[in-house]
Amino acid sequence: MLDDRTRLEFPASGLAELPLRFTPQVLRCVAGGPGGHPLNVLLDTGTDPSAIDLGLTRRLGLRLGDFGLGSDAASDGVRFTETVLPWLRLGDLLLRDLYALALDLGQAPFPVDLVLGYNVLSNLTLSVDYTHGRLRLGHPDLEPPEPVAGGATLPLQFFEHFPAIPGATLLAADPENGPAALRPLIELPLVTIDTGSNGALTLGHDLAALAGLHRGTARVAGGAGHGFTTSCDVLQARAAGLRLGPFVLTDIELDAPASPTGDLGRAGRANLGNGLLARFGQLTLDYRRALCVLGPPAPAPD
């Protein structure tokens, strides 16, 4: 449910459409708001509730609450407070009195002024056309689109407030049965969908260990991961495949935080980012009906 101060005002058609800014593989768009300058907005199914840059709130003179500490994907020490943005316009969709947490977004690896999370996205149908670079924000009374040929509609479950697909399986190569054969490696009972992530499949610390992501292993590389406010060391590898509903995708990029902190430090966490979601070309999340519509997957990139 939306915070009782926040309202969504849809156009008569019930649908707002706007260009997708997909660099670097996250769902961003440009919106209008107070202050007279365009705002960089991230649509993030992995955030609850929405968030706004603390510096922006101060420049706009918004009222702030008391400060506390919260968590993001990789840290348990995110300093935040609360505020309300009077209005925000996304194409023909108008948000009034948007409730958001105010925190320092200046450390994000891309420009972002606002992050729209569960308290907004759960009250609309989000459709992403990765192929043509478009976002569609639909009134929840509108039926979701039918999947195109080769696509599928999957049931959604929710991990806390994050949309998730049940019953995925990480796959390993099975050379005894041929060069293209795959065998189950790890069952993933629930895989969250994170449109704020540019990763492919991110595993929590315990699942990463089962998948063989150990520091110092020949096939495991090191890298850096970034949240909104922090960065962390990550382990990177590849898996032979992933079974997701009726689809089998091959050559899956894996990553995992090197330390068990933040949201991904909890047991059983597995997370799909745009690095994998974009391979479907189209994605629709209907929170009200608990449905996920996916287009046919493209082959793994070279």
C-alpha atoms as a PDB file:
ATOM      1  CA  MET A   1       0.000   0.000   0.000  1.00  0.00           C
ATOM      2  CA  LEU A   2       1.166   3.528  -0.732  1.00  0.00           C
ATOM      3  CA  ASP A   3       2.023   5.751   2.171  1.00  0.00           C
ATOM      4  CA  ASP A   4      -1.226   7.601   2.895  1.00  0.00           C
ATOM      5  CA  ARG A   5       0.348  10.893   1.791  1.00  0.00           C
ATOM      6  CA  THR A   6       1.322   9.653  -1.684  1.00  0.00           C
ATOM      7  CA  ARG A   7      -1.046   9.728  -4.675  1.00  0.00           C
ATOM      8  CA  LEU A   8      -0.659   8.565  -8.273  1.00  0.00           C
ATOM      9  CA  GLU A   9      -2.649  10.477 -10.896  1.00  0.00           C
ATOM     10  CA  PHE A  10      -2.765   8.597 -14.224  1.00  0.00           C
ATOM     11  CA  PRO A  11      -3.800  10.092 -17.573  1.00  0.00           C
ATOM     12  CA  ALA A  12      -7.207   9.172 -18.984  1.00  0.00           C
ATOM     13  CA  SER A  13      -5.661   6.302 -20.951  1.00  0.00           C
ATOM     14  CA  GLY A  14      -4.304   4.804 -17.725  1.00  0.00           C
ATOM     15  CA  LEU A  15      -0.863   4.510 -19.307  1.00  0.00           C
ATOM     16  CA  ALA A  16       2.244   6.687 -19.242  1.00  0.00           C
ATOM     17  CA  GLU A  17       5.158   5.949 -21.582  1.00  0.00           C
ATOM     18  CA  LEU A  18       8.629   7.485 -21.533  1.00  0.00           C
ATOM     19  CA  PRO A  19      12.135   6.811 -22.831  1.00  0.00           C
ATOM     20  CA  LEU A  20      14.326   4.357 -20.962  1.00  0.00           C
ATOM     21  CA  ARG A  21      17.861   5.428 -20.114  1.00  0.00           C
ATOM     22  CA  PHE A  22      19.595   2.068 -19.815  1.00  0.00           C
ATOM     23  CA  THR A  23      23.198   3.083 -19.211  1.00  0.00           C
ATOM     24  CA  PRO A  24      24.760   1.400 -17.249  1.00  0.00           C
ATOM     25  CA  GLN A  25      22.115  -1.367 -17.458  1.00  0.00           C
ATOM     26  CA  VAL A  26      19.706   0.108 -14.902  1.00  0.00           C
ATOM     27  CA  LEU A  27      16.166   1.443 -15.371  1.00  0.00           C
ATOM     28  CA  ARG A  28      16.424   5.213 -15.361  1.00  0.00           C
ATOM     29  CA  CYS A  29      14.331   7.982 -16.831  1.00  0.00           C
ATOM     30  CA  VAL A  30      14.171  11.775 -16.662  1.00  0.00           C
ATOM     31  CA  ALA A  31      11.329  13.347 -14.678  1.00  0.00           C
ATOM     32  CA  GLY A  32      10.081  16.807 -13.808  1.00  0.00           C
ATOM     33  CA  GLY A  33       9.851  17.988 -10.232  1.00  0.00           C
ATOM     34  CA  PRO A  34      10.308  20.940  -7.892  1.00  0.00           C
ATOM     35  CA  GLY A  35      13.316  23.160  -8.477  1.00  0.00           C
ATOM     36  CA  GLY A  36      12.970  23.580 -12.236  1.00  0.00           C
ATOM     37  CA  HIS A  37      15.671  21.065 -13.213  1.00  0.00           C
ATOM     38  CA  PRO A  38      15.240  17.595 -14.776  1.00  0.00           C
ATOM     39  CA  LEU A  39      15.613  14.808 -12.225  1.00  0.00           C
ATOM     40  CA  ASN A  40      17.369  11.487 -12.803  1.00  0.00           C
ATOM     41  CA  VAL A  41      14.975   8.785 -11.573  1.00  0.00           C
ATOM     42  CA  LEU A  42      15.827   5.109 -11.018  1.00  0.00           C
ATOM     43  CA  LEU A  43      12.975   2.568 -11.046  1.00  0.00           C
ATOM     44  CA  ASP A  44      14.168  -0.048  -8.598  1.00  0.00           C
ATOM     45  CA  THR A  45      12.146  -3.115  -7.678  1.00  0.00           C
ATOM     46  CA  GLY A  46      14.805  -3.901  -5.049  1.00  0.00           C
ATOM     47  CA  THR A  47      14.173  -0.759  -2.953  1.00  0.00           C
ATOM     48  CA  ASP A  48      11.560  -0.311  -0.231  1.00  0.00           C
ATOM     49  CA  PRO A  49      10.322   2.392   0.090  1.00  0.00           C
ATOM     50  CA  SER A  50      11.399   5.100  -2.383  1.00  0.00           C
ATOM     51  CA  ALA A  51      14.493   7.216  -1.774  1.00  0.00           C
ATOM     52  CA  ILE A  52      15.686  10.740  -2.576  1.00  0.00           C
ATOM     53  CA  ASP A  53      19.119  12.307  -2.483  1.00  0.00           C
ATOM     54  CA  LEU A  54      19.712  14.094   0.800  1.00  0.00           C
ATOM     55  CA  GLY A  55      21.505  16.984  -0.892  1.00  0.00           C
ATOM     56  CA  LEU A  56      18.514  17.514  -3.182  1.00  0.00           C
ATOM     57  CA  THR A  57      16.095  17.611  -0.249  1.00  0.00           C
ATOM     58  CA  ARG A  58      18.184  20.326   1.379  1.00  0.00           C
ATOM     59  CA  ARG A  59      18.410  22.366  -1.820  1.00  0.00           C
ATOM     60  CA  LEU A  60      14.617  22.158  -2.163  1.00  0.00           C
ATOM     61  CA  GLY A  61      14.088  23.021   1.503  1.00  0.00           C
ATOM     62  CA  LEU A  62      12.061  19.868   2.212  1.00  0.00           C
ATOM     63  CA  ARG A  63      11.198  19.021   5.781  1.00  0.00           C
ATOM     64  CA  LEU A  64      13.328  16.193   7.236  1.00  0.00           C
ATOM     65  CA  GLY A  65      12.711  13.788  10.108  1.00  0.00           C
ATOM     66  CA  ASP A  66      15.134  12.235  12.578  1.00  0.00           C
ATOM     67  CA  PHE A  67      18.103  10.235  11.295  1.00  0.00           C
ATOM     68  CA  GLY A  68      18.546   6.476  11.673  1.00  0.00           C
ATOM     69  CA  LEU A  69      20.582   3.606  10.210  1.00  0.00           C
ATOM     70  CA  GLY A  70      19.345   1.150   7.596  1.00  0.00           C
ATOM     71  CA  SER A  71      20.669  -1.403   5.081  1.00  0.00           C
ATOM     72  CA  ASP A  72      21.294  -1.621   1.369  1.00  0.00           C
ATOM     73  CA  ALA A  73      22.494  -4.613  -0.646  1.00  0.00           C
ATOM     74  CA  ALA A  74      26.005  -4.587   0.816  1.00  0.00           C
ATOM     75  CA  SER A  75      25.950  -2.485   3.993  1.00  0.00           C
ATOM     76  CA  ASP A  76      24.118  -2.341   7.311  1.00  0.00           C
ATOM     77  CA  GLY A  77      25.177   1.235   8.053  1.00  0.00           C
ATOM     78  CA  VAL A  78      23.197   3.465   5.684  1.00  0.00           C
ATOM     79  CA  ARG A  79      22.294   6.785   7.321  1.00  0.00           C
ATOM     80  CA  PHE A  80      18.826   8.062   6.356  1.00  0.00           C
ATOM     81  CA  THR A  81      15.895  10.216   7.365  1.00  0.00           C
ATOM     82  CA  GLU A  82      12.361  10.710   5.984  1.00  0.00           C
ATOM     83  CA  THR A  83      10.781  13.365   3.809  1.00  0.00           C
ATOM     84  CA  VAL A  84       7.952  14.067   1.343  1.00  0.00           C
ATOM     85  CA  LEU A  85       8.497  15.388  -2.193  1.00  0.00           C
ATOM     86  CA  PRO A  86       5.497  17.577  -3.169  1.00  0.00           C
ATOM     87  CA  TRP A  87       5.250  16.318  -6.761  1.00  0.00           C
ATOM     88  CA  LEU A  88       6.996  14.385  -9.507  1.00  0.00           C
ATOM     89  CA  ARG A  89       5.964  14.010 -13.156  1.00  0.00           C
ATOM     90  CA  LEU A  90       6.906  10.887 -15.141  1.00  0.00           C
ATOM     91  CA  GLY A  91       5.635  11.493 -18.661  1.00  0.00           C
ATOM     92  CA  ASP A  92       1.856  11.810 -18.187  1.00  0.00           C
ATOM     93  CA  LEU A  93       1.887  10.234 -14.717  1.00  0.00           C
ATOM     94  CA  LEU A  94       1.852  12.639 -11.772  1.00  0.00           C
ATOM     95  CA  LEU A  95       2.924  11.642  -8.262  1.00  0.00           C
ATOM     96  CA  ARG A  96       1.851  13.912  -5.420  1.00  0.00           C
ATOM     97  CA  ASP A  97       3.303  13.981  -1.894  1.00  0.00           C
ATOM     98  CA  LEU A  98       5.830  11.233  -2.565  1.00  0.00           C
ATOM     99  CA  TYR A  99       7.041   9.675   0.687  1.00  0.00           C
ATOM    100  CA  ALA A 100      10.737   8.762   0.513  1.00  0.00           C
ATOM    101  CA  LEU A 101      13.789   8.087   2.612  1.00  0.00           C
ATOM    102  CA  ALA A 102      16.409  10.802   2.252  1.00  0.00           C
ATOM    103  CA  LEU A 103      20.001   9.555   2.031  1.00  0.00           C
ATOM    104  CA  ASP A 104      23.242  10.451   0.315  1.00  0.00           C
ATOM    105  CA  LEU A 105      22.983   9.128  -3.245  1.00  0.00           C
ATOM    106  CA  GLY A 106      26.144  10.915  -4.331  1.00  0.00           C
ATOM    107  CA  GLN A 107      28.200   7.702  -4.073  1.00  0.00           C
ATOM    108  CA  ALA A 108      26.036   5.840  -6.622  1.00  0.00           C
ATOM    109  CA  PRO A 109      28.008   4.814  -9.741  1.00  0.00           C
ATOM    110  CA  PHE A 110      25.604   6.776 -11.986  1.00  0.00           C
ATOM    111  CA  PRO A 111      23.675  10.058 -11.556  1.00  0.00           C
ATOM    112  CA  VAL A 112      20.478   9.530  -9.566  1.00  0.00           C
ATOM    113  CA  ASP A 113      18.288  12.031  -7.721  1.00  0.00           C
ATOM    114  CA  LEU A 114      15.345   9.784  -6.869  1.00  0.00           C
ATOM    115  CA  VAL A 115      14.766   6.042  -6.544  1.00  0.00           C
ATOM    116  CA  LEU A 116      11.181   4.860  -6.993  1.00  0.00           C
ATOM    117  CA  GLY A 117      10.678   1.695  -4.967  1.00  0.00           C
ATOM    118  CA  TYR A 118       7.946  -0.574  -3.692  1.00  0.00           C
ATOM    119  CA  ASN A 119       5.628   2.100  -2.307  1.00  0.00           C
ATOM    120  CA  VAL A 120       5.154   3.438  -5.856  1.00  0.00           C
ATOM    121  CA  LEU A 121       5.827   0.435  -8.129  1.00  0.00           C
ATOM    122  CA  SER A 122       3.399  -1.834  -6.261  1.00  0.00           C
ATOM    123  CA  ASN A 123       0.582   0.495  -7.291  1.00  0.00           C
ATOM    124  CA  LEU A 124       1.168   0.334 -11.024  1.00  0.00           C
ATOM    125  CA  THR A 125       2.132  -2.177 -13.709  1.00  0.00           C
ATOM    126  CA  LEU A 126       5.723  -1.708 -14.820  1.00  0.00           C
ATOM    127  CA  SER A 127       6.597  -2.733 -18.390  1.00  0.00           C
ATOM    128  CA  VAL A 128      10.141  -2.514 -19.721  1.00  0.00           C
ATOM    129  CA  ASP A 129      10.898  -2.757 -23.428  1.00  0.00           C
ATOM    130  CA  TYR A 130      14.653  -3.299 -23.356  1.00  0.00           C
ATOM    131  CA  THR A 131      14.774  -3.807 -27.124  1.00  0.00           C
ATOM    132  CA  HIS A 132      13.286  -0.435 -28.048  1.00  0.00           C
ATOM    133  CA  GLY A 133      14.264   1.538 -24.943  1.00  0.00           C
ATOM    134  CA  ARG A 134      10.809   2.333 -23.546  1.00  0.00           C
ATOM    135  CA  LEU A 135       9.171   2.305 -20.117  1.00  0.00           C
ATOM    136  CA  ARG A 136       5.414   1.946 -19.634  1.00  0.00           C
ATOM    137  CA  LEU A 137       3.714   2.729 -16.330  1.00  0.00           C
ATOM    138  CA  GLY A 138       0.166   1.392 -16.305  1.00  0.00           C
ATOM    139  CA  HIS A 139      -2.796   1.822 -13.987  1.00  0.00           C
ATOM    140  CA  PRO A 140      -3.207  -1.375 -11.916  1.00  0.00           C
ATOM    141  CA  ASP A 141      -6.721  -1.894 -13.289  1.00  0.00           C
ATOM    142  CA  LEU A 142      -5.293  -2.442 -16.792  1.00  0.00           C
ATOM    143  CA  GLU A 143      -4.614  -6.052 -17.742  1.00  0.00           C
ATOM    144  CA  PRO A 144      -0.938  -6.882 -18.288  1.00  0.00           C
ATOM    145  CA  PRO A 145       0.137  -7.550 -21.878  1.00  0.00           C
ATOM    146  CA  GLU A 146       0.034 -11.068 -23.248  1.00  0.00           C
ATOM    147  CA  PRO A 147       3.465 -12.601 -23.789  1.00  0.00           C
ATOM    148  CA  VAL A 148       4.766 -12.487 -27.344  1.00  0.00           C
ATOM    149  CA  ALA A 149       5.571 -15.724 -29.181  1.00  0.00           C
ATOM    150  CA  GLY A 150       8.201 -17.644 -27.276  1.00  0.00           C
ATOM    151  CA  GLY A 151       7.597 -15.690 -24.070  1.00  0.00           C
ATOM    152  CA  ALA A 152       5.717 -16.715 -20.938  1.00  0.00           C
ATOM    153  CA  THR A 153       3.744 -15.426 -17.963  1.00  0.00           C
ATOM    154  CA  LEU A 154       5.150 -16.614 -14.643  1.00  0.00           C
ATOM    155  CA  PRO A 155       3.669 -16.337 -11.134  1.00  0.00           C
ATOM    156  CA  LEU A 156       5.268 -13.833  -8.827  1.00  0.00           C
ATOM    157  CA  GLN A 157       5.941 -14.320  -5.164  1.00  0.00           C
ATOM    158  CA  PHE A 158       7.350 -11.684  -2.836  1.00  0.00           C
ATOM    159  CA  PHE A 159      10.418 -11.754  -0.644  1.00  0.00           C
ATOM    160  CA  GLU A 160       9.366  -9.140   1.872  1.00  0.00           C
ATOM    161  CA  HIS A 161       8.342  -6.421  -0.642  1.00  0.00           C
ATOM    162  CA  PHE A 162      10.595  -7.487  -3.521  1.00  0.00           C
ATOM    163  CA  PRO A 163       9.010  -9.294  -6.523  1.00  0.00           C
ATOM    164  CA  ALA A 164      10.480 -12.758  -6.996  1.00  0.00           C
ATOM    165  CA  ILE A 165      10.225 -15.811  -9.237  1.00  0.00           C
ATOM    166  CA  PRO A 166      10.004 -19.180  -7.443  1.00  0.00           C
ATOM    167  CA  GLY A 167      11.658 -22.439  -8.365  1.00  0.00           C
ATOM    168  CA  ALA A 168      14.785 -21.493 -10.324  1.00  0.00           C
ATOM    169  CA  THR A 169      17.762 -23.829 -10.699  1.00  0.00           C
ATOM    170  CA  LEU A 170      21.401 -22.987 -11.292  1.00  0.00           C
ATOM    171  CA  LEU A 171      22.904 -25.431 -13.789  1.00  0.00           C
ATOM    172  CA  ALA A 172      26.377 -26.864 -14.319  1.00  0.00           C
ATOM    173  CA  ALA A 173      27.941 -28.481 -17.364  1.00  0.00           C
ATOM    174  CA  ASP A 174      27.451 -32.256 -17.662  1.00  0.00           C
ATOM    175  CA  PRO A 175      30.201 -33.394 -20.056  1.00  0.00           C
ATOM    176  CA  GLU A 176      29.404 -37.086 -19.510  1.00  0.00           C
ATOM    177  CA  ASN A 177      26.188 -36.603 -21.492  1.00  0.00           C
ATOM    178  CA  GLY A 178      27.536 -34.381 -24.255  1.00  0.00           C
ATOM    179  CA  PRO A 179      29.164 -30.961 -24.619  1.00  0.00           C
ATOM    180  CA  ALA A 180      25.840 -29.092 -24.427  1.00  0.00           C
ATOM    181  CA  ALA A 181      24.313 -31.114 -21.564  1.00  0.00           C
ATOM    182  CA  LEU A 182      23.483 -29.444 -18.262  1.00  0.00           C
ATOM    183  CA  ARG A 183      22.749 -30.818 -14.811  1.00  0.00           C
ATOM    184  CA  PRO A 184      21.198 -29.192 -11.721  1.00  0.00           C
ATOM    185  CA  LEU A 185      23.736 -27.570  -9.442  1.00  0.00           C
ATOM    186  CA  ILE A 186      21.803 -25.504  -6.869  1.00  0.00           C
ATOM    187  CA  GLU A 187      18.067 -25.101  -6.321  1.00  0.00           C
ATOM    188  CA  LEU A 188      17.091 -21.446  -5.858  1.00  0.00           C
ATOM    189  CA  PRO A 189      13.669 -21.507  -4.169  1.00  0.00           C
ATOM    190  CA  LEU A 190      13.092 -17.768  -4.684  1.00  0.00           C
ATOM    191  CA  VAL A 191      14.975 -15.362  -6.959  1.00  0.00           C
ATOM    192  CA  THR A 192      14.236 -11.664  -6.478  1.00  0.00           C
ATOM    193  CA  ILE A 193      13.936  -9.299  -9.458  1.00  0.00           C
ATOM    194  CA  ASP A 194      16.083  -6.196  -9.051  1.00  0.00           C
ATOM    195  CA  THR A 195      15.736  -3.587 -11.799  1.00  0.00           C
ATOM    196  CA  GLY A 196      18.166  -1.354  -9.903  1.00  0.00           C
ATOM    197  CA  SER A 197      21.012  -3.832 -10.444  1.00  0.00           C
ATOM    198  CA  ASN A 198      23.201  -4.040 -13.552  1.00  0.00           C
ATOM    199  CA  GLY A 199      24.407  -7.503 -12.532  1.00  0.00           C
ATOM    200  CA  ALA A 200      23.099 -10.783 -13.957  1.00  0.00           C
ATOM    201  CA  LEU A 201      22.673 -13.290 -11.105  1.00  0.00           C
ATOM    202  CA  THR A 202      23.896 -12.194  -7.688  1.00  0.00           C
ATOM    203  CA  LEU A 203      24.144 -14.829  -4.972  1.00  0.00           C
ATOM    204  CA  GLY A 204      24.227 -14.310  -1.238  1.00  0.00           C
ATOM    205  CA  HIS A 205      27.212 -15.541   0.728  1.00  0.00           C
ATOM    206  CA  ASP A 206      25.870 -19.044   1.457  1.00  0.00           C
ATOM    207  CA  LEU A 207      24.666 -19.825  -2.077  1.00  0.00           C
ATOM    208  CA  ALA A 208      27.880 -18.399  -3.535  1.00  0.00           C
ATOM    209  CA  ALA A 209      29.866 -20.894  -1.465  1.00  0.00           C
ATOM    210  CA  LEU A 210      27.727 -23.767  -2.802  1.00  0.00           C
ATOM    211  CA  ALA A 211      28.328 -22.494  -6.344  1.00  0.00           C
ATOM    212  CA  GLY A 212      32.090 -22.573  -5.778  1.00  0.00           C
ATOM    213  CA  LEU A 213      32.719 -18.821  -5.578  1.00  0.00           C
ATOM    214  CA  HIS A 214      35.727 -18.979  -3.314  1.00  0.00           C
ATOM    215  CA  ARG A 215      38.459 -16.381  -3.217  1.00  0.00           C
ATOM    216  CA  GLY A 216      41.655 -17.702  -4.812  1.00  0.00           C
ATOM    217  CA  THR A 217      39.927 -20.265  -7.046  1.00  0.00           C
ATOM    218  CA  ALA A 218      41.219 -20.170 -10.618  1.00  0.00           C
ATOM    219  CA  ARG A 219      37.844 -19.534 -12.256  1.00  0.00           C
ATOM    220  CA  VAL A 220      36.804 -16.863  -9.733  1.00  0.00           C
ATOM    221  CA  ALA A 221      37.810 -13.231 -10.293  1.00  0.00           C
ATOM    222  CA  GLY A 222      37.641 -10.251  -7.970  1.00  0.00           C
ATOM    223  CA  GLY A 223      35.891  -6.974  -8.652  1.00  0.00           C
ATOM    224  CA  ALA A 224      34.047  -4.078  -7.065  1.00  0.00           C
ATOM    225  CA  GLY A 225      30.316  -3.749  -6.465  1.00  0.00           C
ATOM    226  CA  HIS A 226      28.471  -0.533  -5.759  1.00  0.00           C
ATOM    227  CA  GLY A 227      25.319   0.252  -3.812  1.00  0.00           C
ATOM    228  CA  PHE A 228      23.683   3.648  -3.460  1.00  0.00           C
ATOM    229  CA  THR A 229      25.915   4.691  -0.599  1.00  0.00           C
ATOM    230  CA  THR A 230      28.729   2.136  -0.369  1.00  0.00           C
ATOM    231  CA  SER A 231      31.001  -0.080  -2.432  1.00  0.00           C
ATOM    232  CA  CYS A 232      32.267  -3.564  -1.635  1.00  0.00           C
ATOM    233  CA  ASP A 233      34.540  -6.292  -2.968  1.00  0.00           C
ATOM    234  CA  VAL A 234      32.768  -8.941  -5.012  1.00  0.00           C
ATOM    235  CA  LEU A 235      33.615 -12.375  -6.383  1.00  0.00           C
ATOM    236  CA  GLN A 236      32.805 -13.052 -10.035  1.00  0.00           C
ATOM    237  CA  ALA A 237      32.446 -16.275 -12.020  1.00  0.00           C
ATOM    238  CA  ARG A 238      30.240 -17.894 -14.661  1.00  0.00           C
ATOM    239  CA  ALA A 239      27.710 -20.718 -14.520  1.00  0.00           C
ATOM    240  CA  ALA A 240      26.765 -22.972 -17.401  1.00  0.00           C
ATOM    241  CA  GLY A 241      23.069 -22.194 -17.178  1.00  0.00           C
ATOM    242  CA  LEU A 242      19.952 -21.159 -15.272  1.00  0.00           C
ATOM    243  CA  ARG A 243      16.482 -22.718 -15.451  1.00  0.00           C
ATOM    244  CA  LEU A 244      13.839 -20.041 -14.874  1.00  0.00           C
ATOM    245  CA  GLY A 245      10.249 -21.175 -15.361  1.00  0.00           C
ATOM    246  CA  PRO A 246      10.102 -22.714 -18.862  1.00  0.00           C
ATOM    247  CA  PHE A 247      13.335 -21.050 -19.957  1.00  0.00           C
ATOM    248  CA  VAL A 248      16.885 -22.369 -19.875  1.00  0.00           C
ATOM    249  CA  LEU A 249      19.483 -19.630 -20.250  1.00  0.00           C
ATOM    250  CA  THR A 250      23.137 -20.457 -20.807  1.00  0.00           C
ATOM    251  CA  ASP A 251      26.430 -18.806 -19.862  1.00  0.00           C
ATOM    252  CA  ILE A 252      25.293 -16.922 -16.761  1.00  0.00           C
ATOM    253  CA  GLU A 253      27.455 -14.259 -15.133  1.00  0.00           C
ATOM    254  CA  LEU A 254      27.571 -14.727 -11.349  1.00  0.00           C
ATOM    255  CA  ASP A 255      28.695 -12.347  -8.657  1.00  0.00           C
ATOM    256  CA  ALA A 256      28.579 -12.320  -4.882  1.00  0.00           C
ATOM    257  CA  PRO A 257      29.689  -9.951  -2.115  1.00  0.00           C
ATOM    258  CA  ALA A 258      33.000 -11.081  -0.652  1.00  0.00           C
ATOM    259  CA  SER A 259      31.681 -10.428   2.891  1.00  0.00           C
ATOM    260  CA  PRO A 260      28.279 -11.469   4.332  1.00  0.00           C
ATOM    261  CA  THR A 261      26.895  -7.996   5.067  1.00  0.00           C
ATOM    262  CA  GLY A 262      23.819  -6.059   3.974  1.00  0.00           C
ATOM    263  CA  ASP A 263      20.687  -7.544   2.452  1.00  0.00           C
ATOM    264  CA  LEU A 264      22.683 -10.071   0.417  1.00  0.00           C
ATOM    265  CA  GLY A 265      24.338 -11.315   3.590  1.00  0.00           C
ATOM    266  CA  ARG A 266      21.146 -13.098   4.570  1.00  0.00           C
ATOM    267  CA  ALA A 267      20.763 -16.812   3.922  1.00  0.00           C
ATOM    268  CA  GLY A 268      19.252 -17.966   0.647  1.00  0.00           C
ATOM    269  CA  ARG A 269      19.433 -14.673  -1.228  1.00  0.00           C
ATOM    270  CA  ALA A 270      19.565 -14.824  -5.021  1.00  0.00           C
ATOM    271  CA  ASN A 271      18.928 -11.774  -7.169  1.00  0.00           C
ATOM    272  CA  LEU A 272      18.298 -11.213 -10.907  1.00  0.00           C
ATOM    273  CA  GLY A 273      19.557  -7.925 -12.319  1.00  0.00           C
ATOM    274  CA  ASN A 274      19.265  -6.296 -15.718  1.00  0.00           C
ATOM    275  CA  GLY A 275      22.351  -8.072 -16.995  1.00  0.00           C
ATOM    276  CA  LEU A 276      20.128 -11.137 -17.257  1.00  0.00           C
ATOM    277  CA  LEU A 277      16.624  -9.604 -17.437  1.00  0.00           C
ATOM    278  CA  ALA A 278      17.528  -7.641 -20.571  1.00  0.00           C
ATOM    279  CA  ARG A 279      18.148 -10.922 -22.402  1.00  0.00           C
ATOM    280  CA  PHE A 280      14.356 -11.377 -22.447  1.00  0.00           C
ATOM    281  CA  GLY A 281      13.847  -8.140 -24.396  1.00  0.00           C
ATOM    282  CA  GLN A 282      10.604  -7.370 -22.553  1.00  0.00           C
ATOM    283  CA  LEU A 283       9.582  -7.562 -18.894  1.00  0.00           C
ATOM    284  CA  THR A 284       6.276  -6.716 -17.219  1.00  0.00           C
ATOM    285  CA  LEU A 285       5.706  -6.817 -13.462  1.00  0.00           C
ATOM    286  CA  ASP A 286       2.086  -6.757 -12.320  1.00  0.00           C
ATOM    287  CA  TYR A 287       2.184  -6.463  -8.541  1.00  0.00           C
ATOM    288  CA  ARG A 288      -1.593  -6.585  -8.020  1.00  0.00           C
ATOM    289  CA  ARG A 289      -2.075  -9.853  -9.929  1.00  0.00           C
ATOM    290  CA  ALA A 290       1.346 -11.239  -8.898  1.00  0.00           C
ATOM    291  CA  LEU A 291       2.416 -11.908 -12.500  1.00  0.00           C
ATOM    292  CA  CYS A 292       5.659 -11.557 -14.419  1.00  0.00           C
ATOM    293  CA  VAL A 293       5.528 -11.458 -18.229  1.00  0.00           C
ATOM    294  CA  LEU A 294       8.805 -12.238 -20.023  1.00  0.00           C
ATOM    295  CA  GLY A 295       9.652 -12.090 -23.700  1.00  0.00           C
ATOM    296  CA  PRO A 296      11.569 -14.859 -25.445  1.00  0.00           C
ATOM    297  CA  PRO A 297      15.196 -14.914 -24.277  1.00  0.00           C
ATOM    298  CA  ALA A 298      17.977 -14.027 -26.674  1.00  0.00           C
ATOM    299  CA  PRO A 299      21.133 -16.137 -26.816  1.00  0.00           C
ATOM    300  CA  ALA A 300      23.866 -15.352 -24.328  1.00  0.00           C
ATOM    301  CA  PRO A 301      26.050 -12.432 -25.454  1.00  0.00           C
ATOM    302  CA  ASP A 302      29.500 -13.276 -26.765  1.00  0.00           C
END
